[in-house]
Every structure is written in structure tokens, then in C-alpha cells.
Amino acid sequence: MKIDWAALGSVFGVSLVVTVALVGLFTLGIMGLSRRERAVAQGDSAGLAVTGAYACFAACAAAVAYGISLIVA
């Protein structure tokens, strides 16, 4: 049996980058919701923060769905 170390390293690198990107995107969503809570406490509007948070969560869900579709196919 011969292991293709270059392919294994490539898979590891891509999975590491995608994981860090998803965590960062989810963190941005949480920060957007946090800003909404802060704005509500101050009596301000935070429509842009909520829209950004929902967009981040939707992008995370889309990336997870795409990953699952790659695994299933």
C-alpha cells in the first residue's frame, strides 16, 4: 500500500482552512446578535447587525449543507 502524502496534506490543509473560516463566520454572527442586544438596551436600532448576523448563519448552514452533500454523493 502506498500513501499519497501530498494528497493527504492537501486534504488536511483545506479542512483546516474551512474549519477556521466557519468558526470565524459563526463568531461574526454571534457578534452581530450581541450588538443587537446592546442596541436594544440603549434604545437604538440594529437592523444592519441583525441582517449581517443572519447572513453569517445562513452562510454557515450553506457550507455545512455543501459539505454533507459532498460526503453523501
Protein backbone atom coordinates (compact mmCIF):
# COMPACT_ATOMS: atom_id res chain seq x y z
CA MET A 1 0.00 0.00 0.00
CA LYS A 2 1.32 3.41 -0.95
CA ILE A 3 0.14 6.58 0.79
CA ASP A 4 -0.07 9.75 -1.28
CA TRP A 5 1.29 12.19 1.32
CA ALA A 6 0.78 15.24 -0.89
CA ALA A 7 -2.94 14.48 -1.26
CA LEU A 8 -3.26 13.79 2.46
CA GLY A 9 -1.57 17.09 3.27
CA SER A 10 -3.80 18.90 0.80
CA VAL A 11 -6.94 17.47 2.39
CA PHE A 12 -5.67 18.42 5.85
CA GLY A 13 -4.85 21.97 4.74
CA VAL A 14 -8.21 22.54 3.06
CA SER A 15 -10.14 21.14 6.02
CA LEU A 16 -8.16 23.33 8.42
CA VAL A 17 -8.83 26.48 6.39
CA VAL A 18 -12.54 25.68 6.01
CA THR A 19 -12.88 24.95 9.73
CA VAL A 20 -11.24 28.23 10.71
CA ALA A 21 -13.40 30.11 8.19
CA LEU A 22 -16.61 28.56 9.52
CA VAL A 23 -15.68 29.33 13.11
CA GLY A 24 -14.88 32.92 12.13
CA LEU A 25 -18.16 33.27 10.25
CA PHE A 26 -20.15 31.88 13.16
CA THR A 27 -18.30 34.22 15.53
CA LEU A 28 -19.27 37.20 13.35
CA GLY A 29 -22.89 36.08 13.57
CA ILE A 30 -22.72 35.88 17.35
CA MET A 31 -21.10 39.32 17.48
CA GLY A 32 -23.92 40.73 15.32
CA LEU A 33 -26.54 39.36 17.68
CA SER A 34 -24.58 40.76 20.61
CA ARG A 35 -24.61 44.20 19.01
CA ARG A 36 -28.38 43.89 18.60
CA GLU A 37 -28.78 43.17 22.29
CA ARG A 38 -26.59 46.17 23.14
CA ALA A 39 -28.55 48.42 20.77
CA VAL A 40 -31.89 47.30 22.21
CA ALA A 41 -30.62 48.04 25.71
CA GLN A 42 -29.65 51.55 24.59
CA GLY A 43 -32.87 52.10 22.66
CA ASP A 44 -31.20 52.18 19.23
CA SER A 45 -31.94 50.23 16.06
CA ALA A 46 -29.60 47.48 14.92
CA GLY A 47 -31.13 46.26 11.69
CA LEU A 48 -27.81 46.02 9.88
CA ALA A 49 -26.23 43.99 12.67
CA VAL A 50 -29.13 41.53 12.70
CA THR A 51 -29.10 41.22 8.91
CA GLY A 52 -25.36 40.58 8.95
CA ALA A 53 -25.73 38.00 11.72
CA TYR A 54 -28.44 36.14 9.82
CA ALA A 55 -26.34 36.26 6.64
CA CYS A 56 -23.38 34.76 8.54
CA PHE A 57 -25.55 31.99 9.97
CA ALA A 58 -27.04 31.29 6.53
CA ALA A 59 -23.55 31.07 5.03
CA CYS A 60 -22.51 28.63 7.77
CA ALA A 61 -25.59 26.49 7.12
CA ALA A 62 -24.92 26.54 3.38
CA ALA A 63 -21.29 25.48 3.88
CA VAL A 64 -22.33 22.63 6.17
CA ALA A 65 -25.02 21.52 3.72
CA TYR A 66 -22.49 21.60 0.87
CA GLY A 67 -20.05 19.52 2.93
CA ILE A 68 -22.74 16.96 3.70
CA SER A 69 -23.69 16.80 0.03
CA LEU A 70 -20.03 16.15 -0.86
CA ILE A 71 -19.89 13.31 1.67
CA VAL A 72 -23.17 11.73 0.53
CA ALA A 73 -22.50 11.98 -3.20
